[in-house]
Amino acid sequence: MIGKSYIDESLLELHKLGIKLSMDDFGTGYSSLSYLRQYSFDVLKIDQSFIEGIALNNEDYDLVKATIAMPTAYV
């Protein structure tokens, strides 16, 4: 847990300096849902593979809509 404490402290110091935190390619690779709970992101960039079909596919639209709602649920 020492590593996590160091990360938390570093992110807090960056926030104090006015630096914004963003998660890129959310929904793929290492962009875990748990990160939305652990860290206060200013920007959540959803991976394009989820965005491409939102105009044509209701399931994709609903998934993207829910993804956008998730981080605001923790505010």
PDB file of N, CA and C in Angstrom:
ATOM      1  N   MET A   1       0.805  -1.201   0.000  1.00  0.00           N
ATOM      2  CA  MET A   1       0.000   0.000   0.000  1.00  0.00           C
ATOM      3  C   MET A   1       0.850   1.267   0.000  1.00  0.00           C
ATOM      4  N   ILE A   2       2.137   1.121   0.204  1.00  0.00           N
ATOM      5  CA  ILE A   2       3.006   2.292   0.198  1.00  0.00           C
ATOM      6  C   ILE A   2       2.985   2.938  -1.173  1.00  0.00           C
ATOM      7  N   GLY A   3       2.998   2.131  -2.236  1.00  0.00           N
ATOM      8  CA  GLY A   3       2.964   2.672  -3.593  1.00  0.00           C
ATOM      9  C   GLY A   3       1.699   3.461  -3.864  1.00  0.00           C
ATOM     10  N   LYS A   4       0.552   2.944  -3.425  1.00  0.00           N
ATOM     11  CA  LYS A   4      -0.713   3.637  -3.630  1.00  0.00           C
ATOM     12  C   LYS A   4      -0.719   4.963  -2.892  1.00  0.00           C
ATOM     13  N   SER A   5      -0.189   4.993  -1.676  1.00  0.00           N
ATOM     14  CA  SER A   5      -0.122   6.228  -0.900  1.00  0.00           C
ATOM     15  C   SER A   5       0.712   7.273  -1.643  1.00  0.00           C
ATOM     16  N   TYR A   6       1.816   6.846  -2.218  1.00  0.00           N
ATOM     17  CA  TYR A   6       2.680   7.751  -2.976  1.00  0.00           C
ATOM     18  C   TYR A   6       1.934   8.312  -4.190  1.00  0.00           C
ATOM     19  N   ILE A   7       1.174   7.460  -4.874  1.00  0.00           N
ATOM     20  CA  ILE A   7       0.411   7.903  -6.045  1.00  0.00           C
ATOM     21  C   ILE A   7      -0.646   8.914  -5.624  1.00  0.00           C
ATOM     22  N   ASP A   8      -1.380   8.608  -4.554  1.00  0.00           N
ATOM     23  CA  ASP A   8      -2.417   9.521  -4.067  1.00  0.00           C
ATOM     24  C   ASP A   8      -1.836  10.887  -3.717  1.00  0.00           C
ATOM     25  N   GLU A   9      -0.727  10.890  -3.014  1.00  0.00           N
ATOM     26  CA  GLU A   9      -0.082  12.147  -2.624  1.00  0.00           C
ATOM     27  C   GLU A   9       0.398  12.916  -3.848  1.00  0.00           C
ATOM     28  N   SER A  10       0.975  12.219  -4.798  1.00  0.00           N
ATOM     29  CA  SER A  10       1.474  12.873  -6.021  1.00  0.00           C
ATOM     30  C   SER A  10       0.339  13.493  -6.823  1.00  0.00           C
ATOM     31  N   LEU A  11      -0.779  12.758  -6.958  1.00  0.00           N
ATOM     32  CA  LEU A  11      -1.922  13.277  -7.701  1.00  0.00           C
ATOM     33  C   LEU A  11      -2.526  14.491  -7.002  1.00  0.00           C
ATOM     34  N   LEU A  12      -2.546  14.474  -5.679  1.00  0.00           N
ATOM     35  CA  LEU A  12      -3.050  15.620  -4.922  1.00  0.00           C
ATOM     36  C   LEU A  12      -2.166  16.847  -5.151  1.00  0.00           C
ATOM     37  N   GLU A  13      -0.867  16.657  -5.136  1.00  0.00           N
ATOM     38  CA  GLU A  13       0.056  17.770  -5.377  1.00  0.00           C
ATOM     39  C   GLU A  13      -0.096  18.319  -6.800  1.00  0.00           C
ATOM     40  N   LEU A  14      -0.262  17.436  -7.780  1.00  0.00           N
ATOM     41  CA  LEU A  14      -0.485  17.879  -9.158  1.00  0.00           C
ATOM     42  C   LEU A  14      -1.786  18.678  -9.262  1.00  0.00           C
ATOM     43  N   HIS A  15      -2.834  18.216  -8.564  1.00  0.00           N
ATOM     44  CA  HIS A  15      -4.114  18.924  -8.557  1.00  0.00           C
ATOM     45  C   HIS A  15      -3.949  20.322  -7.968  1.00  0.00           C
ATOM     46  N   LYS A  16      -3.171  20.434  -6.899  1.00  0.00           N
ATOM     47  CA  LYS A  16      -2.922  21.745  -6.270  1.00  0.00           C
ATOM     48  C   LYS A  16      -2.221  22.700  -7.227  1.00  0.00           C
ATOM     49  N   LEU A  17      -1.439  22.144  -8.145  1.00  0.00           N
ATOM     50  CA  LEU A  17      -0.736  22.962  -9.142  1.00  0.00           C
ATOM     51  C   LEU A  17      -1.637  23.326 -10.324  1.00  0.00           C
ATOM     52  N   GLY A  18      -2.858  22.808 -10.324  1.00  0.00           N
ATOM     53  CA  GLY A  18      -3.796  23.109 -11.406  1.00  0.00           C
ATOM     54  C   GLY A  18      -3.707  22.164 -12.583  1.00  0.00           C
ATOM     55  N   ILE A  19      -2.988  21.066 -12.418  1.00  0.00           N
ATOM     56  CA  ILE A  19      -2.842  20.089 -13.497  1.00  0.00           C
ATOM     57  C   ILE A  19      -4.053  19.173 -13.497  1.00  0.00           C
ATOM     58  N   LYS A  20      -4.646  18.991 -14.662  1.00  0.00           N
ATOM     59  CA  LYS A  20      -5.842  18.166 -14.822  1.00  0.00           C
ATOM     60  C   LYS A  20      -5.445  16.704 -15.037  1.00  0.00           C
ATOM     61  N   LEU A  21      -6.271  15.812 -14.517  1.00  0.00           N
ATOM     62  CA  LEU A  21      -6.036  14.380 -14.656  1.00  0.00           C
ATOM     63  C   LEU A  21      -7.077  13.796 -15.601  1.00  0.00           C
ATOM     64  N   SER A  22      -6.613  13.059 -16.607  1.00  0.00           N
ATOM     65  CA  SER A  22      -7.551  12.437 -17.538  1.00  0.00           C
ATOM     66  C   SER A  22      -7.229  10.955 -17.699  1.00  0.00           C
ATOM     67  N   MET A  23      -8.270  10.178 -17.992  1.00  0.00           N
ATOM     68  CA  MET A  23      -8.092   8.768 -18.331  1.00  0.00           C
ATOM     69  C   MET A  23      -8.377   8.633 -19.813  1.00  0.00           C
ATOM     70  N   ASP A  24      -7.409   8.116 -20.532  1.00  0.00           N
ATOM     71  CA  ASP A  24      -7.521   7.967 -21.979  1.00  0.00           C
ATOM     72  C   ASP A  24      -7.893   6.526 -22.315  1.00  0.00           C
ATOM     73  N   ASP A  25      -8.611   6.350 -23.415  1.00  0.00           N
ATOM     74  CA  ASP A  25      -9.000   5.028 -23.913  1.00  0.00           C
ATOM     75  C   ASP A  25      -9.769   4.225 -22.867  1.00  0.00           C
ATOM     76  N   PHE A  26     -10.669   4.904 -22.143  1.00  0.00           N
ATOM     77  CA  PHE A  26     -11.443   4.217 -21.118  1.00  0.00           C
ATOM     78  C   PHE A  26     -12.234   3.071 -21.741  1.00  0.00           C
ATOM     79  N   GLY A  27     -12.211   1.932 -21.079  1.00  0.00           N
ATOM     80  CA  GLY A  27     -12.930   0.756 -21.549  1.00  0.00           C
ATOM     81  C   GLY A  27     -12.027  -0.285 -22.173  1.00  0.00           C
ATOM     82  N   THR A  28     -10.749   0.017 -22.308  1.00  0.00           N
ATOM     83  CA  THR A  28      -9.808  -0.941 -22.890  1.00  0.00           C
ATOM     84  C   THR A  28      -8.579  -1.061 -21.996  1.00  0.00           C
ATOM     85  N   GLY A  29      -7.843  -2.121 -22.161  1.00  0.00           N
ATOM     86  CA  GLY A  29      -6.568  -2.300 -21.471  1.00  0.00           C
ATOM     87  C   GLY A  29      -6.662  -2.189 -19.963  1.00  0.00           C
ATOM     88  N   TYR A  30      -5.865  -1.291 -19.402  1.00  0.00           N
ATOM     89  CA  TYR A  30      -5.761  -1.159 -17.953  1.00  0.00           C
ATOM     90  C   TYR A  30      -6.685  -0.092 -17.368  1.00  0.00           C
ATOM     91  N   SER A  31      -7.609   0.439 -18.151  1.00  0.00           N
ATOM     92  CA  SER A  31      -8.505   1.488 -17.655  1.00  0.00           C
ATOM     93  C   SER A  31      -9.680   0.862 -16.905  1.00  0.00           C
ATOM     94  N   SER A  32      -9.429   0.474 -15.703  1.00  0.00           N
ATOM     95  CA  SER A  32     -10.389  -0.253 -14.874  1.00  0.00           C
ATOM     96  C   SER A  32     -11.480   0.650 -14.313  1.00  0.00           C
ATOM     97  N   LEU A  33     -12.663   0.080 -14.134  1.00  0.00           N
ATOM     98  CA  LEU A  33     -13.758   0.805 -13.490  1.00  0.00           C
ATOM     99  C   LEU A  33     -13.369   1.265 -12.091  1.00  0.00           C
ATOM    100  N   SER A  34     -12.540   0.503 -11.412  1.00  0.00           N
ATOM    101  CA  SER A  34     -12.159   0.870 -10.043  1.00  0.00           C
ATOM    102  C   SER A  34     -11.394   2.191 -10.006  1.00  0.00           C
ATOM    103  N   TYR A  35     -10.723   2.545 -11.097  1.00  0.00           N
ATOM    104  CA  TYR A  35     -10.014   3.824 -11.128  1.00  0.00           C
ATOM    105  C   TYR A  35     -10.960   5.012 -11.000  1.00  0.00           C
ATOM    106  N   LEU A  36     -12.202   4.846 -11.460  1.00  0.00           N
ATOM    107  CA  LEU A  36     -13.179   5.934 -11.328  1.00  0.00           C
ATOM    108  C   LEU A  36     -13.493   6.214  -9.864  1.00  0.00           C
ATOM    109  N   ARG A  37     -13.385   5.187  -9.053  1.00  0.00           N
ATOM    110  CA  ARG A  37     -13.619   5.340  -7.621  1.00  0.00           C
ATOM    111  C   ARG A  37     -12.385   5.843  -6.901  1.00  0.00           C
ATOM    112  N   GLN A  38     -11.214   5.404  -7.345  1.00  0.00           N
ATOM    113  CA  GLN A  38      -9.972   5.710  -6.645  1.00  0.00           C
ATOM    114  C   GLN A  38      -9.452   7.116  -6.915  1.00  0.00           C
ATOM    115  N   TYR A  39      -9.647   7.611  -8.128  1.00  0.00           N
ATOM    116  CA  TYR A  39      -9.028   8.872  -8.522  1.00  0.00           C
ATOM    117  C   TYR A  39     -10.066   9.844  -9.052  1.00  0.00           C
ATOM    118  N   SER A  40      -9.810  11.101  -8.847  1.00  0.00           N
ATOM    119  CA  SER A  40     -10.727  12.142  -9.287  1.00  0.00           C
ATOM    120  C   SER A  40     -10.284  12.664 -10.656  1.00  0.00           C
ATOM    121  N   PHE A  41     -10.810  12.057 -11.706  1.00  0.00           N
ATOM    122  CA  PHE A  41     -10.447  12.461 -13.060  1.00  0.00           C
ATOM    123  C   PHE A  41     -11.215  13.710 -13.461  1.00  0.00           C
ATOM    124  N   ASP A  42     -10.537  14.593 -14.180  1.00  0.00           N
ATOM    125  CA  ASP A  42     -11.185  15.778 -14.736  1.00  0.00           C
ATOM    126  C   ASP A  42     -11.767  15.480 -16.107  1.00  0.00           C
ATOM    127  N   VAL A  43     -11.153  14.522 -16.818  1.00  0.00           N
ATOM    128  CA  VAL A  43     -11.579  14.163 -18.171  1.00  0.00           C
ATOM    129  C   VAL A  43     -11.573  12.643 -18.295  1.00  0.00           C
ATOM    130  N   LEU A  44     -12.633  12.110 -18.879  1.00  0.00           N
ATOM    131  CA  LEU A  44     -12.718  10.684 -19.167  1.00  0.00           C
ATOM    132  C   LEU A  44     -12.888  10.533 -20.669  1.00  0.00           C
ATOM    133  N   LYS A  45     -11.859  10.005 -21.323  1.00  0.00           N
ATOM    134  CA  LYS A  45     -11.891   9.844 -22.775  1.00  0.00           C
ATOM    135  C   LYS A  45     -12.244   8.391 -23.097  1.00  0.00           C
ATOM    136  N   ILE A  46     -13.437   8.198 -23.620  1.00  0.00           N
ATOM    137  CA  ILE A  46     -13.929   6.860 -23.937  1.00  0.00           C
ATOM    138  C   ILE A  46     -13.282   6.382 -25.232  1.00  0.00           C
ATOM    139  N   ASP A  47     -12.835   5.147 -25.234  1.00  0.00           N
ATOM    140  CA  ASP A  47     -12.182   4.584 -26.417  1.00  0.00           C
ATOM    141  C   ASP A  47     -13.099   4.655 -27.630  1.00  0.00           C
ATOM    142  N   GLN A  48     -12.518   4.978 -28.784  1.00  0.00           N
ATOM    143  CA  GLN A  48     -13.295   5.164 -30.010  1.00  0.00           C
ATOM    144  C   GLN A  48     -14.065   3.924 -30.438  1.00  0.00           C
ATOM    145  N   SER A  49     -13.609   2.751 -30.024  1.00  0.00           N
ATOM    146  CA  SER A  49     -14.328   1.531 -30.400  1.00  0.00           C
ATOM    147  C   SER A  49     -15.736   1.510 -29.804  1.00  0.00           C
ATOM    148  N   PHE A  50     -15.963   2.253 -28.735  1.00  0.00           N
ATOM    149  CA  PHE A  50     -17.291   2.352 -28.139  1.00  0.00           C
ATOM    150  C   PHE A  50     -18.109   3.484 -28.759  1.00  0.00           C
ATOM    151  N   ILE A  51     -17.427   4.483 -29.297  1.00  0.00           N
ATOM    152  CA  ILE A  51     -18.090   5.676 -29.828  1.00  0.00           C
ATOM    153  C   ILE A  51     -18.575   5.474 -31.264  1.00  0.00           C
ATOM    154  N   GLU A  52     -17.833   4.713 -32.036  1.00  0.00           N
ATOM    155  CA  GLU A  52     -18.095   4.583 -33.473  1.00  0.00           C
ATOM    156  C   GLU A  52     -19.531   4.199 -33.823  1.00  0.00           C
ATOM    157  N   GLY A  53     -20.191   3.366 -33.014  1.00  0.00           N
ATOM    158  CA  GLY A  53     -21.499   2.860 -33.393  1.00  0.00           C
ATOM    159  C   GLY A  53     -22.680   3.512 -32.710  1.00  0.00           C
ATOM    160  N   ILE A  54     -22.462   4.593 -31.949  1.00  0.00           N
ATOM    161  CA  ILE A  54     -23.570   5.126 -31.142  1.00  0.00           C
ATOM    162  C   ILE A  54     -24.721   5.685 -31.971  1.00  0.00           C
ATOM    163  N   ALA A  55     -24.456   6.135 -33.189  1.00  0.00           N
ATOM    164  CA  ALA A  55     -25.534   6.677 -34.026  1.00  0.00           C
ATOM    165  C   ALA A  55     -26.337   5.568 -34.703  1.00  0.00           C
ATOM    166  N   LEU A  56     -25.755   4.379 -34.765  1.00  0.00           N
ATOM    167  CA  LEU A  56     -26.399   3.282 -35.488  1.00  0.00           C
ATOM    168  C   LEU A  56     -26.920   2.164 -34.593  1.00  0.00           C
ATOM    169  N   ASN A  57     -26.403   2.089 -33.385  1.00  0.00           N
ATOM    170  CA  ASN A  57     -26.678   0.937 -32.539  1.00  0.00           C
ATOM    171  C   ASN A  57     -27.108   1.404 -31.150  1.00  0.00           C
ATOM    172  N   ASN A  58     -28.320   1.058 -30.738  1.00  0.00           N
ATOM    173  CA  ASN A  58     -28.831   1.481 -29.432  1.00  0.00           C
ATOM    174  C   ASN A  58     -28.015   0.923 -28.272  1.00  0.00           C
ATOM    175  N   GLU A  59     -27.491  -0.295 -28.418  1.00  0.00           N
ATOM    176  CA  GLU A  59     -26.687  -0.888 -27.352  1.00  0.00           C
ATOM    177  C   GLU A  59     -25.404  -0.089 -27.127  1.00  0.00           C
ATOM    178  N   ASP A  60     -24.752   0.318 -28.220  1.00  0.00           N
ATOM    179  CA  ASP A  60     -23.550   1.142 -28.094  1.00  0.00           C
ATOM    180  C   ASP A  60     -23.885   2.489 -27.465  1.00  0.00           C
ATOM    181  N   TYR A  61     -24.992   3.082 -27.898  1.00  0.00           N
ATOM    182  CA  TYR A  61     -25.427   4.363 -27.342  1.00  0.00           C
ATOM    183  C   TYR A  61     -25.662   4.241 -25.835  1.00  0.00           C
ATOM    184  N   ASP A  62     -26.375   3.192 -25.422  1.00  0.00           N
ATOM    185  CA  ASP A  62     -26.671   2.997 -24.003  1.00  0.00           C
ATOM    186  C   ASP A  62     -25.402   2.767 -23.189  1.00  0.00           C
ATOM    187  N   LEU A  63     -24.457   2.016 -23.756  1.00  0.00           N
ATOM    188  CA  LEU A  63     -23.199   1.756 -23.066  1.00  0.00           C
ATOM    189  C   LEU A  63     -22.406   3.050 -22.865  1.00  0.00           C
ATOM    190  N   VAL A  64     -22.318   3.874 -23.896  1.00  0.00           N
ATOM    191  CA  VAL A  64     -21.591   5.137 -23.788  1.00  0.00           C
ATOM    192  C   VAL A  64     -22.295   6.076 -22.810  1.00  0.00           C
ATOM    193  N   LYS A  65     -23.599   6.124 -22.872  1.00  0.00           N
ATOM    194  CA  LYS A  65     -24.374   6.972 -21.958  1.00  0.00           C
ATOM    195  C   LYS A  65     -24.132   6.553 -20.499  1.00  0.00           C
ATOM    196  N   ALA A  66     -24.150   5.256 -20.232  1.00  0.00           N
ATOM    197  CA  ALA A  66     -23.901   4.760 -18.878  1.00  0.00           C
ATOM    198  C   ALA A  66     -22.471   5.046 -18.438  1.00  0.00           C
ATOM    199  N   THR A  67     -21.527   4.922 -19.358  1.00  0.00           N
ATOM    200  CA  THR A  67     -20.127   5.199 -19.045  1.00  0.00           C
ATOM    201  C   THR A  67     -19.943   6.656 -18.648  1.00  0.00           C
ATOM    202  N   ILE A  68     -20.608   7.546 -19.344  1.00  0.00           N
ATOM    203  CA  ILE A  68     -20.522   8.979 -19.023  1.00  0.00           C
ATOM    204  C   ILE A  68     -21.140   9.251 -17.655  1.00  0.00           C
ATOM    205  N   ALA A  69     -22.191   8.547 -17.316  1.00  0.00           N
ATOM    206  CA  ALA A  69     -22.875   8.770 -16.040  1.00  0.00           C
ATOM    207  C   ALA A  69     -22.080   8.238 -14.849  1.00  0.00           C
ATOM    208  N   MET A  70     -21.258   7.206 -15.044  1.00  0.00           N
ATOM    209  CA  MET A  70     -20.555   6.578 -13.923  1.00  0.00           C
ATOM    210  C   MET A  70     -19.675   7.521 -13.120  1.00  0.00           C
ATOM    211  N   PRO A  71     -18.765   8.257 -13.729  1.00  0.00           N
ATOM    212  CA  PRO A  71     -17.887   9.096 -12.901  1.00  0.00           C
ATOM    213  C   PRO A  71     -18.640  10.203 -12.173  1.00  0.00           C
ATOM    214  N   THR A  72     -19.732  10.678 -12.733  1.00  0.00           N
ATOM    215  CA  THR A  72     -20.485  11.738 -12.056  1.00  0.00           C
ATOM    216  C   THR A  72     -21.257  11.205 -10.871  1.00  0.00           C
ATOM    217  N   ALA A  73     -21.459   9.882 -10.808  1.00  0.00           N
ATOM    218  CA  ALA A  73     -22.168   9.277  -9.685  1.00  0.00           C
ATOM    219  C   ALA A  73     -21.329   9.326  -8.416  1.00  0.00           C
ATOM    220  N   TYR A  74     -20.021   9.504  -8.549  1.00  0.00           N
ATOM    221  CA  TYR A  74     -19.112   9.522  -7.395  1.00  0.00           C
ATOM    222  C   TYR A  74     -18.804  10.923  -6.923  1.00  0.00           C
ATOM    223  N   VAL A  75     -19.347  11.921  -7.549  1.00  0.00           N
ATOM    224  CA  VAL A  75     -19.045  13.316  -7.173  1.00  0.00           C
ATOM    225  C   VAL A  75     -19.833  13.704  -5.958  1.00  0.00           C
TER     226      VAL A  75
END
